[in-house]
Amino acid sequence: MNRRIEELERKLARIQQALAALGDLRPGSLSMQYNVCGVAGCRCKASPAKRHGPYYQLGFAHKGRHTTRFVRRADLRIVKAQLKNYAKLRQLVDQWIEVGIELSTLRIKERHEK
């Protein structure tokens, strides 16, 4: 059992290192939209319509409130990287929890066996 505890501790250290290396992150999802304006005779009202866009919008919930923000095309690469980092954060935290549960259980079990 001691070998398994050491293995889990090494795995936990790798998870913590990966967390520290994440960089900027943000929750949410990115969507792309095309809009219709209010100008009469505009191309967006033609048949077939050529709507304005694409426009990119970031939607996320924080502290119980849902928020959306427009994202400039020039910032898309950065925002996508931040979203990817957030997804990786969630994955690493889930792994940490799984390892932590098993590690805690083994430590308690080992303590009772002494």
PDB file of N, CA and C in Angstrom:
ATOM      1  N   MET A   1       0.831  -1.192   0.000  1.00  0.00           N
ATOM      2  CA  MET A   1       0.000   0.000   0.000  1.00  0.00           C
ATOM      3  C   MET A   1       0.877   1.259   0.000  1.00  0.00           C
ATOM      4  N   ASN A   2       2.018   1.221   0.660  1.00  0.00           N
ATOM      5  CA  ASN A   2       2.909   2.363   0.722  1.00  0.00           C
ATOM      6  C   ASN A   2       3.370   2.785  -0.669  1.00  0.00           C
ATOM      7  N   ARG A   3       3.613   1.804  -1.547  1.00  0.00           N
ATOM      8  CA  ARG A   3       4.029   2.092  -2.917  1.00  0.00           C
ATOM      9  C   ARG A   3       2.933   2.853  -3.660  1.00  0.00           C
ATOM     10  N   ARG A   4       1.693   2.457  -3.462  1.00  0.00           N
ATOM     11  CA  ARG A   4       0.563   3.136  -4.108  1.00  0.00           C
ATOM     12  C   ARG A   4       0.444   4.575  -3.613  1.00  0.00           C
ATOM     13  N   ILE A   5       0.662   4.787  -2.311  1.00  0.00           N
ATOM     14  CA  ILE A   5       0.606   6.145  -1.759  1.00  0.00           C
ATOM     15  C   ILE A   5       1.676   7.015  -2.410  1.00  0.00           C
ATOM     16  N   GLU A   6       2.884   6.489  -2.544  1.00  0.00           N
ATOM     17  CA  GLU A   6       3.966   7.247  -3.182  1.00  0.00           C
ATOM     18  C   GLU A   6       3.636   7.561  -4.633  1.00  0.00           C
ATOM     19  N   GLU A   7       3.051   6.608  -5.326  1.00  0.00           N
ATOM     20  CA  GLU A   7       2.651   6.806  -6.714  1.00  0.00           C
ATOM     21  C   GLU A   7       1.602   7.912  -6.825  1.00  0.00           C
ATOM     22  N   LEU A   8       0.631   7.886  -5.935  1.00  0.00           N
ATOM     23  CA  LEU A   8      -0.417   8.912  -5.935  1.00  0.00           C
ATOM     24  C   LEU A   8       0.147  10.284  -5.587  1.00  0.00           C
ATOM     25  N   GLU A   9       1.102  10.329  -4.666  1.00  0.00           N
ATOM     26  CA  GLU A   9       1.729  11.605  -4.305  1.00  0.00           C
ATOM     27  C   GLU A   9       2.491  12.187  -5.494  1.00  0.00           C
ATOM     28  N   ARG A  10       3.169  11.343  -6.272  1.00  0.00           N
ATOM     29  CA  ARG A  10       3.865  11.812  -7.480  1.00  0.00           C
ATOM     30  C   ARG A  10       2.861  12.328  -8.511  1.00  0.00           C
ATOM     31  N   LYS A  11       1.766  11.605  -8.658  1.00  0.00           N
ATOM     32  CA  LYS A  11       0.728  12.030  -9.595  1.00  0.00           C
ATOM     33  C   LYS A  11       0.139  13.373  -9.169  1.00  0.00           C
ATOM     34  N   LEU A  12      -0.086  13.538  -7.888  1.00  0.00           N
ATOM     35  CA  LEU A  12      -0.611  14.789  -7.360  1.00  0.00           C
ATOM     36  C   LEU A  12       0.368  15.937  -7.610  1.00  0.00           C
ATOM     37  N   ALA A  13       1.658  15.688  -7.455  1.00  0.00           N
ATOM     38  CA  ALA A  13       2.674  16.717  -7.720  1.00  0.00           C
ATOM     39  C   ALA A  13       2.665  17.120  -9.196  1.00  0.00           C
ATOM     40  N   ARG A  14       2.489  16.148 -10.095  1.00  0.00           N
ATOM     41  CA  ARG A  14       2.416  16.459 -11.532  1.00  0.00           C
ATOM     42  C   ARG A  14       1.179  17.307 -11.843  1.00  0.00           C
ATOM     43  N   ILE A  15       0.073  16.982 -11.203  1.00  0.00           N
ATOM     44  CA  ILE A  15      -1.158  17.765 -11.402  1.00  0.00           C
ATOM     45  C   ILE A  15      -0.947  19.203 -10.928  1.00  0.00           C
ATOM     46  N   GLN A  16      -0.326  19.362  -9.774  1.00  0.00           N
ATOM     47  CA  GLN A  16      -0.083  20.703  -9.234  1.00  0.00           C
ATOM     48  C   GLN A  16       0.857  21.506 -10.133  1.00  0.00           C
ATOM     49  N   GLN A  17       1.859  20.860 -10.698  1.00  0.00           N
ATOM     50  CA  GLN A  17       2.757  21.549 -11.632  1.00  0.00           C
ATOM     51  C   GLN A  17       2.007  21.980 -12.884  1.00  0.00           C
ATOM     52  N   ALA A  18       1.148  21.120 -13.384  1.00  0.00           N
ATOM     53  CA  ALA A  18       0.364  21.453 -14.578  1.00  0.00           C
ATOM     54  C   ALA A  18      -0.582  22.617 -14.298  1.00  0.00           C
ATOM     55  N   LEU A  19      -1.145  22.662 -13.105  1.00  0.00           N
ATOM     56  CA  LEU A  19      -2.025  23.772 -12.729  1.00  0.00           C
ATOM     57  C   LEU A  19      -1.254  25.090 -12.697  1.00  0.00           C
ATOM     58  N   ALA A  20      -0.052  25.047 -12.136  1.00  0.00           N
ATOM     59  CA  ALA A  20       0.755  26.263 -12.018  1.00  0.00           C
ATOM     60  C   ALA A  20       1.189  26.790 -13.387  1.00  0.00           C
ATOM     61  N   ALA A  21       1.244  25.931 -14.384  1.00  0.00           N
ATOM     62  CA  ALA A  21       1.719  26.317 -15.708  1.00  0.00           C
ATOM     63  C   ALA A  21       0.603  26.750 -16.660  1.00  0.00           C
ATOM     64  N   LEU A  22      -0.625  26.793 -16.210  1.00  0.00           N
ATOM     65  CA  LEU A  22      -1.750  27.048 -17.113  1.00  0.00           C
ATOM     66  C   LEU A  22      -1.731  28.424 -17.777  1.00  0.00           C
ATOM     67  N   GLY A  23      -1.469  29.462 -17.058  1.00  0.00           N
ATOM     68  CA  GLY A  23      -1.543  30.802 -17.644  1.00  0.00           C
ATOM     69  C   GLY A  23      -2.950  31.371 -17.536  1.00  0.00           C
ATOM     70  N   ASP A  24      -3.227  32.373 -18.356  1.00  0.00           N
ATOM     71  CA  ASP A  24      -4.527  33.054 -18.317  1.00  0.00           C
ATOM     72  C   ASP A  24      -5.641  32.090 -18.689  1.00  0.00           C
ATOM     73  N   LEU A  25      -6.777  32.267 -18.011  1.00  0.00           N
ATOM     74  CA  LEU A  25      -7.921  31.425 -18.309  1.00  0.00           C
ATOM     75  C   LEU A  25      -9.212  32.181 -18.076  1.00  0.00           C
ATOM     76  N   ARG A  26     -10.257  31.678 -18.679  1.00  0.00           N
ATOM     77  CA  ARG A  26     -11.599  32.234 -18.468  1.00  0.00           C
ATOM     78  C   ARG A  26     -12.630  31.158 -18.761  1.00  0.00           C
ATOM     79  N   PRO A  27     -13.730  31.183 -18.007  1.00  0.00           N
ATOM     80  CA  PRO A  27     -14.806  30.226 -18.263  1.00  0.00           C
ATOM     81  C   PRO A  27     -15.675  30.711 -19.421  1.00  0.00           C
ATOM     82  N   GLY A  28     -16.483  29.813 -19.941  1.00  0.00           N
ATOM     83  CA  GLY A  28     -17.473  30.224 -20.911  1.00  0.00           C
ATOM     84  C   GLY A  28     -17.385  29.478 -22.216  1.00  0.00           C
ATOM     85  N   SER A  29     -18.178  29.975 -23.151  1.00  0.00           N
ATOM     86  CA  SER A  29     -18.171  29.401 -24.490  1.00  0.00           C
ATOM     87  C   SER A  29     -18.284  30.538 -25.500  1.00  0.00           C
ATOM     88  N   LEU A  30     -17.715  30.279 -26.649  1.00  0.00           N
ATOM     89  CA  LEU A  30     -17.661  31.280 -27.697  1.00  0.00           C
ATOM     90  C   LEU A  30     -18.679  30.928 -28.775  1.00  0.00           C
ATOM     91  N   SER A  31     -19.437  31.925 -29.210  1.00  0.00           N
ATOM     92  CA  SER A  31     -20.390  31.692 -30.295  1.00  0.00           C
ATOM     93  C   SER A  31     -20.161  32.723 -31.394  1.00  0.00           C
ATOM     94  N   MET A  32     -20.622  32.372 -32.575  1.00  0.00           N
ATOM     95  CA  MET A  32     -20.479  33.242 -33.731  1.00  0.00           C
ATOM     96  C   MET A  32     -21.881  33.608 -34.205  1.00  0.00           C
ATOM     97  N   GLN A  33     -22.091  34.892 -34.496  1.00  0.00           N
ATOM     98  CA  GLN A  33     -23.416  35.326 -34.928  1.00  0.00           C
ATOM     99  C   GLN A  33     -23.323  36.228 -36.150  1.00  0.00           C
ATOM    100  N   TYR A  34     -24.413  36.267 -36.876  1.00  0.00           N
ATOM    101  CA  TYR A  34     -24.587  37.192 -37.998  1.00  0.00           C
ATOM    102  C   TYR A  34     -25.842  37.994 -37.681  1.00  0.00           C
ATOM    103  N   ASN A  35     -25.786  39.304 -37.891  1.00  0.00           N
ATOM    104  CA  ASN A  35     -26.893  40.169 -37.498  1.00  0.00           C
ATOM    105  C   ASN A  35     -27.540  40.869 -38.690  1.00  0.00           C
ATOM    106  N   VAL A  36     -28.759  41.323 -38.453  1.00  0.00           N
ATOM    107  CA  VAL A  36     -29.516  42.133 -39.404  1.00  0.00           C
ATOM    108  C   VAL A  36     -29.623  43.524 -38.797  1.00  0.00           C
ATOM    109  N   CYS A  37     -29.335  44.548 -39.609  1.00  0.00           N
ATOM    110  CA  CYS A  37     -29.381  45.919 -39.090  1.00  0.00           C
ATOM    111  C   CYS A  37     -30.750  46.551 -39.342  1.00  0.00           C
ATOM    112  N   GLY A  38     -30.888  47.811 -38.987  1.00  0.00           N
ATOM    113  CA  GLY A  38     -32.164  48.497 -39.158  1.00  0.00           C
ATOM    114  C   GLY A  38     -32.213  49.412 -40.364  1.00  0.00           C
ATOM    115  N   VAL A  39     -31.212  49.361 -41.226  1.00  0.00           N
ATOM    116  CA  VAL A  39     -31.155  50.247 -42.390  1.00  0.00           C
ATOM    117  C   VAL A  39     -31.954  49.638 -43.544  1.00  0.00           C
ATOM    118  N   ALA A  40     -32.919  50.416 -44.027  1.00  0.00           N
ATOM    119  CA  ALA A  40     -33.749  49.939 -45.142  1.00  0.00           C
ATOM    120  C   ALA A  40     -32.894  49.794 -46.398  1.00  0.00           C
ATOM    121  N   GLY A  41     -33.091  48.728 -47.138  1.00  0.00           N
ATOM    122  CA  GLY A  41     -32.363  48.502 -48.379  1.00  0.00           C
ATOM    123  C   GLY A  41     -30.957  47.957 -48.190  1.00  0.00           C
ATOM    124  N   CYS A  42     -30.610  47.633 -47.002  1.00  0.00           N
ATOM    125  CA  CYS A  42     -29.275  47.095 -46.727  1.00  0.00           C
ATOM    126  C   CYS A  42     -29.169  45.669 -47.270  1.00  0.00           C
ATOM    127  N   ARG A  43     -27.955  45.238 -47.544  1.00  0.00           N
ATOM    128  CA  ARG A  43     -27.705  43.888 -48.073  1.00  0.00           C
ATOM    129  C   ARG A  43     -28.212  42.797 -47.131  1.00  0.00           C
ATOM    130  N   CYS A  44     -28.326  43.109 -45.835  1.00  0.00           N
ATOM    131  CA  CYS A  44     -28.774  42.090 -44.886  1.00  0.00           C
ATOM    132  C   CYS A  44     -30.268  41.793 -45.005  1.00  0.00           C
ATOM    133  N   LYS A  45     -30.971  42.634 -45.772  1.00  0.00           N
ATOM    134  CA  LYS A  45     -32.409  42.413 -45.961  1.00  0.00           C
ATOM    135  C   LYS A  45     -32.721  41.910 -47.379  1.00  0.00           C
ATOM    136  N   ALA A  46     -31.691  41.760 -48.188  1.00  0.00           N
ATOM    137  CA  ALA A  46     -31.869  41.306 -49.571  1.00  0.00           C
ATOM    138  C   ALA A  46     -32.272  39.838 -49.589  1.00  0.00           C
ATOM    139  N   SER A  47     -32.598  39.367 -50.775  1.00  0.00           N
ATOM    140  CA  SER A  47     -32.938  37.963 -50.913  1.00  0.00           C
ATOM    141  C   SER A  47     -32.000  37.349 -51.936  1.00  0.00           C
ATOM    142  N   PRO A  48     -31.105  36.488 -51.635  1.00  0.00           N
ATOM    143  CA  PRO A  48     -30.824  35.972 -50.287  1.00  0.00           C
ATOM    144  C   PRO A  48     -30.075  37.006 -49.451  1.00  0.00           C
ATOM    145  N   ALA A  49     -30.313  36.943 -48.170  1.00  0.00           N
ATOM    146  CA  ALA A  49     -29.724  37.916 -47.232  1.00  0.00           C
ATOM    147  C   ALA A  49     -28.231  37.678 -47.045  1.00  0.00           C
ATOM    148  N   LYS A  50     -27.488  38.773 -46.974  1.00  0.00           N
ATOM    149  CA  LYS A  50     -26.065  38.724 -46.618  1.00  0.00           C
ATOM    150  C   LYS A  50     -25.927  39.480 -45.307  1.00  0.00           C
ATOM    151  N   ARG A  51     -26.098  38.759 -44.239  1.00  0.00           N
ATOM    152  CA  ARG A  51     -26.087  39.374 -42.907  1.00  0.00           C
ATOM    153  C   ARG A  51     -24.710  39.919 -42.544  1.00  0.00           C
ATOM    154  N   HIS A  52     -24.713  40.817 -41.577  1.00  0.00           N
ATOM    155  CA  HIS A  52     -23.475  41.421 -41.086  1.00  0.00           C
ATOM    156  C   HIS A  52     -22.792  40.456 -40.119  1.00  0.00           C
ATOM    157  N   GLY A  53     -21.489  40.361 -40.226  1.00  0.00           N
ATOM    158  CA  GLY A  53     -20.760  39.493 -39.307  1.00  0.00           C
ATOM    159  C   GLY A  53     -19.690  38.721 -40.036  1.00  0.00           C
ATOM    160  N   PRO A  54     -19.104  37.783 -39.421  1.00  0.00           N
ATOM    161  CA  PRO A  54     -19.506  37.233 -38.125  1.00  0.00           C
ATOM    162  C   PRO A  54     -19.054  38.107 -36.957  1.00  0.00           C
ATOM    163  N   TYR A  55     -19.832  38.039 -35.894  1.00  0.00           N
ATOM    164  CA  TYR A  55     -19.496  38.658 -34.625  1.00  0.00           C
ATOM    165  C   TYR A  55     -19.329  37.529 -33.622  1.00  0.00           C
ATOM    166  N   TYR A  56     -18.359  37.671 -32.757  1.00  0.00           N
ATOM    167  CA  TYR A  56     -18.068  36.623 -31.780  1.00  0.00           C
ATOM    168  C   TYR A  56     -18.501  37.087 -30.403  1.00  0.00           C
ATOM    169  N   GLN A  57     -19.146  36.181 -29.695  1.00  0.00           N
ATOM    170  CA  GLN A  57     -19.671  36.520 -28.387  1.00  0.00           C
ATOM    171  C   GLN A  57     -19.260  35.446 -27.382  1.00  0.00           C
ATOM    172  N   LEU A  58     -18.802  35.893 -26.229  1.00  0.00           N
ATOM    173  CA  LEU A  58     -18.406  35.008 -25.148  1.00  0.00           C
ATOM    174  C   LEU A  58     -19.514  35.020 -24.104  1.00  0.00           C
ATOM    175  N   GLY A  59     -20.015  33.858 -23.758  1.00  0.00           N
ATOM    176  CA  GLY A  59     -21.034  33.738 -22.719  1.00  0.00           C
ATOM    177  C   GLY A  59     -20.485  32.921 -21.567  1.00  0.00           C
ATOM    178  N   PHE A  60     -20.734  33.388 -20.342  1.00  0.00           N
ATOM    179  CA  PHE A  60     -20.273  32.653 -19.166  1.00  0.00           C
ATOM    180  C   PHE A  60     -21.101  33.025 -17.948  1.00  0.00           C
ATOM    181  N   ALA A  61     -21.068  32.157 -16.965  1.00  0.00           N
ATOM    182  CA  ALA A  61     -21.745  32.413 -15.695  1.00  0.00           C
ATOM    183  C   ALA A  61     -20.671  32.583 -14.624  1.00  0.00           C
ATOM    184  N   HIS A  62     -20.852  33.593 -13.783  1.00  0.00           N
ATOM    185  CA  HIS A  62     -19.915  33.846 -12.689  1.00  0.00           C
ATOM    186  C   HIS A  62     -20.702  34.383 -11.504  1.00  0.00           C
ATOM    187  N   LYS A  63     -20.510  33.750 -10.366  1.00  0.00           N
ATOM    188  CA  LYS A  63     -21.210  34.130  -9.122  1.00  0.00           C
ATOM    189  C   LYS A  63     -22.726  34.170  -9.328  1.00  0.00           C
ATOM    190  N   GLY A  64     -23.227  33.185 -10.063  1.00  0.00           N
ATOM    191  CA  GLY A  64     -24.662  33.054 -10.245  1.00  0.00           C
ATOM    192  C   GLY A  64     -25.261  33.976 -11.293  1.00  0.00           C
ATOM    193  N   ARG A  65     -24.444  34.735 -11.985  1.00  0.00           N
ATOM    194  CA  ARG A  65     -24.957  35.641 -13.010  1.00  0.00           C
ATOM    195  C   ARG A  65     -24.387  35.271 -14.365  1.00  0.00           C
ATOM    196  N   HIS A  66     -25.266  35.250 -15.358  1.00  0.00           N
ATOM    197  CA  HIS A  66     -24.834  34.947 -16.715  1.00  0.00           C
ATOM    198  C   HIS A  66     -24.487  36.255 -17.421  1.00  0.00           C
ATOM    199  N   THR A  67     -23.356  36.254 -18.109  1.00  0.00           N
ATOM    200  CA  THR A  67     -22.874  37.453 -18.784  1.00  0.00           C
ATOM    201  C   THR A  67     -22.454  37.090 -20.202  1.00  0.00           C
ATOM    202  N   THR A  68     -22.639  38.026 -21.120  1.00  0.00           N
ATOM    203  CA  THR A  68     -22.122  37.857 -22.471  1.00  0.00           C
ATOM    204  C   THR A  68     -21.288  39.085 -22.812  1.00  0.00           C
ATOM    205  N   ARG A  69     -20.252  38.857 -23.590  1.00  0.00           N
ATOM    206  CA  ARG A  69     -19.385  39.950 -24.033  1.00  0.00           C
ATOM    207  C   ARG A  69     -18.982  39.697 -25.473  1.00  0.00           C
ATOM    208  N   PHE A  70     -18.947  40.753 -26.252  1.00  0.00           N
ATOM    209  CA  PHE A  70     -18.455  40.628 -27.609  1.00  0.00           C
ATOM    210  C   PHE A  70     -16.944  40.530 -27.590  1.00  0.00           C
ATOM    211  N   VAL A  71     -16.408  39.752 -28.519  1.00  0.00           N
ATOM    212  CA  VAL A  71     -14.967  39.545 -28.628  1.00  0.00           C
ATOM    213  C   VAL A  71     -14.536  40.023 -30.003  1.00  0.00           C
ATOM    214  N   ARG A  72     -13.543  40.884 -30.027  1.00  0.00           N
ATOM    215  CA  ARG A  72     -13.029  41.364 -31.304  1.00  0.00           C
ATOM    216  C   ARG A  72     -12.302  40.236 -32.026  1.00  0.00           C
ATOM    217  N   ARG A  73     -12.375  40.276 -33.324  1.00  0.00           N
ATOM    218  CA  ARG A  73     -11.721  39.252 -34.148  1.00  0.00           C
ATOM    219  C   ARG A  73     -10.221  39.175 -33.824  1.00  0.00           C
ATOM    220  N   ALA A  74      -9.602  40.313 -33.563  1.00  0.00           N
ATOM    221  CA  ALA A  74      -8.168  40.350 -33.249  1.00  0.00           C
ATOM    222  C   ALA A  74      -7.854  39.637 -31.933  1.00  0.00           C
ATOM    223  N   ASP A  75      -8.842  39.512 -31.048  1.00  0.00           N
ATOM    224  CA  ASP A  75      -8.634  38.881 -29.742  1.00  0.00           C
ATOM    225  C   ASP A  75      -9.072  37.422 -29.698  1.00  0.00           C
ATOM    226  N   LEU A  76      -9.582  36.902 -30.805  1.00  0.00           N
ATOM    227  CA  LEU A  76     -10.122  35.542 -30.827  1.00  0.00           C
ATOM    228  C   LEU A  76      -9.109  34.488 -30.395  1.00  0.00           C
ATOM    229  N   ARG A  77      -7.893  34.573 -30.906  1.00  0.00           N
ATOM    230  CA  ARG A  77      -6.874  33.575 -30.591  1.00  0.00           C
ATOM    231  C   ARG A  77      -6.587  33.555 -29.090  1.00  0.00           C
ATOM    232  N   ILE A  78      -6.489  34.728 -28.491  1.00  0.00           N
ATOM    233  CA  ILE A  78      -6.213  34.827 -27.055  1.00  0.00           C
ATOM    234  C   ILE A  78      -7.375  34.260 -26.246  1.00  0.00           C
ATOM    235  N   VAL A  79      -8.594  34.635 -26.605  1.00  0.00           N
ATOM    236  CA  VAL A  79      -9.771  34.168 -25.867  1.00  0.00           C
ATOM    237  C   VAL A  79      -9.923  32.652 -25.994  1.00  0.00           C
ATOM    238  N   LYS A  80      -9.685  32.117 -27.183  1.00  0.00           N
ATOM    239  CA  LYS A  80      -9.772  30.660 -27.358  1.00  0.00           C
ATOM    240  C   LYS A  80      -8.734  29.945 -26.499  1.00  0.00           C
ATOM    241  N   ALA A  81      -7.537  30.495 -26.402  1.00  0.00           N
ATOM    242  CA  ALA A  81      -6.496  29.895 -25.554  1.00  0.00           C
ATOM    243  C   ALA A  81      -6.906  29.951 -24.083  1.00  0.00           C
ATOM    244  N   GLN A  82      -7.520  31.053 -23.672  1.00  0.00           N
ATOM    245  CA  GLN A  82      -7.982  31.179 -22.285  1.00  0.00           C
ATOM    246  C   GLN A  82      -9.087  30.173 -21.987  1.00  0.00           C
ATOM    247  N   LEU A  83     -10.008  29.986 -22.922  1.00  0.00           N
ATOM    248  CA  LEU A  83     -11.073  29.003 -22.747  1.00  0.00           C
ATOM    249  C   LEU A  83     -10.504  27.593 -22.659  1.00  0.00           C
ATOM    250  N   LYS A  84      -9.501  27.304 -23.477  1.00  0.00           N
ATOM    251  CA  LYS A  84      -8.849  25.997 -23.450  1.00  0.00           C
ATOM    252  C   LYS A  84      -8.142  25.769 -22.109  1.00  0.00           C
ATOM    253  N   ASN A  85      -7.489  26.814 -21.604  1.00  0.00           N
ATOM    254  CA  ASN A  85      -6.826  26.712 -20.297  1.00  0.00           C
ATOM    255  C   ASN A  85      -7.837  26.457 -19.183  1.00  0.00           C
ATOM    256  N   TYR A  86      -9.002  27.085 -19.287  1.00  0.00           N
ATOM    257  CA  TYR A  86     -10.037  26.869 -18.270  1.00  0.00           C
ATOM    258  C   TYR A  86     -10.533  25.421 -18.307  1.00  0.00           C
ATOM    259  N   ALA A  87     -10.731  24.897 -19.503  1.00  0.00           N
ATOM    260  CA  ALA A  87     -11.159  23.499 -19.632  1.00  0.00           C
ATOM    261  C   ALA A  87     -10.107  22.567 -19.043  1.00  0.00           C
ATOM    262  N   LYS A  88      -8.840  22.880 -19.284  1.00  0.00           N
ATOM    263  CA  LYS A  88      -7.747  22.074 -18.722  1.00  0.00           C
ATOM    264  C   LYS A  88      -7.741  22.183 -17.198  1.00  0.00           C
ATOM    265  N   LEU A  89      -8.012  23.380 -16.673  1.00  0.00           N
ATOM    266  CA  LEU A  89      -8.103  23.569 -15.224  1.00  0.00           C
ATOM    267  C   LEU A  89      -9.161  22.657 -14.627  1.00  0.00           C
ATOM    268  N   ARG A  90     -10.325  22.632 -15.233  1.00  0.00           N
ATOM    269  CA  ARG A  90     -11.412  21.788 -14.725  1.00  0.00           C
ATOM    270  C   ARG A  90     -11.029  20.314 -14.753  1.00  0.00           C
ATOM    271  N   GLN A  91     -10.356  19.903 -15.826  1.00  0.00           N
ATOM    272  CA  GLN A  91      -9.919  18.514 -15.960  1.00  0.00           C
ATOM    273  C   GLN A  91      -8.896  18.179 -14.875  1.00  0.00           C
ATOM    274  N   LEU A  92      -7.941  19.071 -14.648  1.00  0.00           N
ATOM    275  CA  LEU A  92      -6.903  18.834 -13.643  1.00  0.00           C
ATOM    276  C   LEU A  92      -7.491  18.815 -12.229  1.00  0.00           C
ATOM    277  N   VAL A  93      -8.447  19.690 -11.959  1.00  0.00           N
ATOM    278  CA  VAL A  93      -9.084  19.702 -10.640  1.00  0.00           C
ATOM    279  C   VAL A  93      -9.844  18.397 -10.410  1.00  0.00           C
ATOM    280  N   ASP A  94     -10.538  17.912 -11.429  1.00  0.00           N
ATOM    281  CA  ASP A  94     -11.231  16.624 -11.303  1.00  0.00           C
ATOM    282  C   ASP A  94     -10.243  15.495 -11.011  1.00  0.00           C
ATOM    283  N   GLN A  95      -9.098  15.513 -11.701  1.00  0.00           N
ATOM    284  CA  GLN A  95      -8.066  14.501 -11.443  1.00  0.00           C
ATOM    285  C   GLN A  95      -7.539  14.622 -10.009  1.00  0.00           C
ATOM    286  N   TRP A  96      -7.326  15.861  -9.558  1.00  0.00           N
ATOM    287  CA  TRP A  96      -6.827  16.100  -8.202  1.00  0.00           C
ATOM    288  C   TRP A  96      -7.805  15.524  -7.179  1.00  0.00           C
ATOM    289  N   ILE A  97      -9.076  15.746  -7.404  1.00  0.00           N
ATOM    290  CA  ILE A  97     -10.096  15.233  -6.485  1.00  0.00           C
ATOM    291  C   ILE A  97     -10.070  13.709  -6.454  1.00  0.00           C
ATOM    292  N   GLU A  98      -9.996  13.082  -7.627  1.00  0.00           N
ATOM    293  CA  GLU A  98      -9.951  11.617  -7.674  1.00  0.00           C
ATOM    294  C   GLU A  98      -8.727  11.071  -6.948  1.00  0.00           C
ATOM    295  N   VAL A  99      -7.569  11.663  -7.223  1.00  0.00           N
ATOM    296  CA  VAL A  99      -6.341  11.226  -6.561  1.00  0.00           C
ATOM    297  C   VAL A  99      -6.431  11.495  -5.065  1.00  0.00           C
ATOM    298  N   GLY A 100      -6.959  12.648  -4.700  1.00  0.00           N
ATOM    299  CA  GLY A 100      -7.084  13.010  -3.285  1.00  0.00           C
ATOM    300  C   GLY A 100      -7.976  12.062  -2.507  1.00  0.00           C
ATOM    301  N   ILE A 101      -9.063  11.646  -3.105  1.00  0.00           N
ATOM    302  CA  ILE A 101      -9.972  10.707  -2.438  1.00  0.00           C
ATOM    303  C   ILE A 101      -9.268   9.379  -2.193  1.00  0.00           C
ATOM    304  N   GLU A 102      -8.617   8.859  -3.244  1.00  0.00           N
ATOM    305  CA  GLU A 102      -7.924   7.578  -3.090  1.00  0.00           C
ATOM    306  C   GLU A 102      -6.773   7.690  -2.097  1.00  0.00           C
ATOM    307  N   LEU A 103      -6.018   8.777  -2.178  1.00  0.00           N
ATOM    308  CA  LEU A 103      -4.881   8.981  -1.282  1.00  0.00           C
ATOM    309  C   LEU A 103      -5.336   9.095   0.170  1.00  0.00           C
ATOM    310  N   SER A 104      -6.375   9.846   0.418  1.00  0.00           N
ATOM    311  CA  SER A 104      -6.902   9.999   1.776  1.00  0.00           C
ATOM    312  C   SER A 104      -7.391   8.672   2.340  1.00  0.00           C
ATOM    313  N   THR A 105      -8.087   7.918   1.505  1.00  0.00           N
ATOM    314  CA  THR A 105      -8.589   6.609   1.922  1.00  0.00           C
ATOM    315  C   THR A 105      -7.443   5.676   2.287  1.00  0.00           C
ATOM    316  N   LEU A 106      -6.404   5.645   1.448  1.00  0.00           N
ATOM    317  CA  LEU A 106      -5.255   4.776   1.722  1.00  0.00           C
ATOM    318  C   LEU A 106      -4.500   5.195   2.976  1.00  0.00           C
ATOM    319  N   ARG A 107      -4.353   6.491   3.189  1.00  0.00           N
ATOM    320  CA  ARG A 107      -3.647   6.976   4.394  1.00  0.00           C
ATOM    321  C   ARG A 107      -4.402   6.609   5.660  1.00  0.00           C
ATOM    322  N   ILE A 108      -5.724   6.747   5.615  1.00  0.00           N
ATOM    323  CA  ILE A 108      -6.523   6.366   6.793  1.00  0.00           C
ATOM    324  C   ILE A 108      -6.439   4.867   7.024  1.00  0.00           C
ATOM    325  N   LYS A 109      -6.535   4.110   5.956  1.00  0.00           N
ATOM    326  CA  LYS A 109      -6.453   2.651   6.054  1.00  0.00           C
ATOM    327  C   LYS A 109      -5.095   2.225   6.593  1.00  0.00           C
ATOM    328  N   GLU A 110      -4.032   2.855   6.112  1.00  0.00           N
ATOM    329  CA  GLU A 110      -2.680   2.544   6.574  1.00  0.00           C
ATOM    330  C   GLU A 110      -2.524   2.889   8.066  1.00  0.00           C
ATOM    331  N   ARG A 111      -3.111   3.976   8.466  1.00  0.00           N
ATOM    332  CA  ARG A 111      -3.026   4.425   9.864  1.00  0.00           C
ATOM    333  C   ARG A 111      -3.681   3.389  10.803  1.00  0.00           C
ATOM    334  N   HIS A 112      -4.810   2.836  10.380  1.00  0.00           N
ATOM    335  CA  HIS A 112      -5.519   1.855  11.199  1.00  0.00           C
ATOM    336  C   HIS A 112      -4.800   0.500  11.253  1.00  0.00           C
ATOM    337  N   GLU A 113      -3.969   0.229  10.236  1.00  0.00           N
ATOM    338  CA  GLU A 113      -3.256  -1.033  10.192  1.00  0.00           C
ATOM    339  C   GLU A 113      -2.032  -1.039  11.087  1.00  0.00           C
ATOM    340  N   LYS A 114      -1.583   0.109  11.529  1.00  0.00           N
ATOM    341  CA  LYS A 114      -0.382   0.197  12.380  1.00  0.00           C
ATOM    342  C   LYS A 114      -0.653  -0.166  13.804  1.00  0.00           C
TER     343      LYS A 114
END
